[in-house]
Amino acid sequence: MKYKILLTGNNKAIMDDLFSKTGGRFEYQTTSARYEDILSHFRHFKPDGFLYCINHEMPDSFRRLSDLKQSPEAVATAFFAVGTRPECDSYTRTVPGVADLILEKPIGISSMEEKMADYFISARTHKAAAPATSPMAVPPAAANTVPAAGSQTGNPPVPNAGAVPQQMPAQPASASQTPAGRPQNTASPTPASGTPQPNAELQQPAVSRQPANPSVQPAAAPAPAAASGQPDPNDELLLALTEQVGQAAKVIEAVANMPVIDDDSEDDPERRKHILVVDDDSRMLKIIKRHLSDKYDVATALNGRLALKFLETKKTDLILLDYEMPLENGPTILKKLRENPYTHDIPVIFLTGISERDKIEKALVMKPQGYLLKPIDHIKLLSTISKLIG
C-alpha cells in the first residue's frame, strides 16, 4: 500500500531528501504554512499523514494545528512532526495532543519512513480489531417481561422492579372497590365450596398504604436548594472547577511562551555539539549540513537577522558565518554578536569566496576564530571545527 504524506515547515533539506526517494511506499506533496493552503491540500490530495518539518519555527506557527486536526478534512489524517528535541518539545507544549508521532533528529530518511509505515500498519491493525473487542449490544429486556394472564402460575401478571407497571386486571363484579381502583378491606367473595378465589392475594389490608414492592416506589424529589434557603453545593463545585481551569490555562500559556532552553551541560562529553550555519545560499547550507550532521547538531539561517533571532532563545557552540550577504554582511553580524554578552564568546568562522588579501585581512581584524574559502573542503571544514569545539 502506498501512503500519501503532505509536507510543510522550514526544513527544506528533509523535504528534498524525501522527494529524492521515488518508487517507495510513500507519495509526497508540499504545502505552505498558511492555514487555508493546508486545508485546500487536505481536500484535494487527501493525505494519510501530515508531516511538519520543523526548522526554527516560532511557537505561534504551531497554534492553528489544533483547529486543523479537528477540521472535517483532517479527521482521517495522522499528524507527524520531525525536528530536534527542543523543537519537538516546543511543538508538543504549544499544541498538546496534536502529534500522533514525533520523529526526533538526528534521524535518517529511511528510519523516518519506517516509523511512519509502522504507525499506519499499527493503526490499521487496531482499527480492524476494534469490532471484535467492542462491547456487545445489550439484548432486549427479556427479564422485564411478565407472565401473560392465564399462565400456569394461576396468578395475574405482576411487574418487576425494572418493568413499566401494567394495568391491573379488573376485579369480579362482586368485589367492592374504591373509585381509585384500590380494593377495600373486605373479604374476597368465595364460591359455595368455600375455597378462596385465585386473585385473593392481591387484596391488601386497609391499614397498609405502601405498595407490595417498596423498591418500585418513586423516590421523592429533593427540595430545590433555593426553596430550602441553603446554597446549592453544585454551584459551589462549579465555581471551584472554573477557577482551577482558569489557573491551569494560565500555567499552560506561560509554559508555551517560555523560551526553549537546552538543559544539556556544556561540560557533558556525551552531548552532541551544536553548530549554526549562516549563509544566503540555500544550496551551500544544504551541503554544509550534510557534511556535519553525522557528528554535530546543525541549524541553518538564510540571513543574519534570522540567526540573531535564533540565538535569542537557543544556544550554539560555533557559528559558520558567510562573509558576503545582502542587507547585513558577516562583519556586521559578528560585531553584534561581540556586543551581546550572551553571544560574545561564541566561536565564529567566516565562510568566504573572497581571495583578495586586503579583504581577508580586514575580516581578520574582527578577530574571528578562523575562515574557510569556498568551495568548502570537507576535510578542512571538519578539521577546523574539531580544533575549536572538539
Foldseek 3Di string as FASTA:
>chain_A
DAFEEEEEEDPVLLVVVLVVDPPDRYDYDYFYLDPVGVLVCLVPVVGQEYEYEYAPDALVSLQCLVVVCPDPSNVRHAYEYEEAPLVVVLNCLSPPPRHPYYHHPPDDPVRVVVVVVVVVVVVVVCVVCVVVPDDDDDDPPPVQDWDDPPDPVLEHTAGDQPHDGDDDDDDDPVFDADPVRAGAQDQADDDPVPDHHSHRVSHDYPVDPADPDNSNDDDDDDDDCVVVVHDDVVVVVVVVVVVVVVVVVVVSVVVSPAFREDPDDLPDPPDAAEEEEEALDVVLVSVVCVLPRVRHHYHYDNHLVSVVVSLVRYDHQAYEAEQDDPPAGRLRSLVVLCVDPSRNPRAYEYEYQDPDPVVVVVVCVSPHLYYAHPPGDSVVVVVSVVVRSD
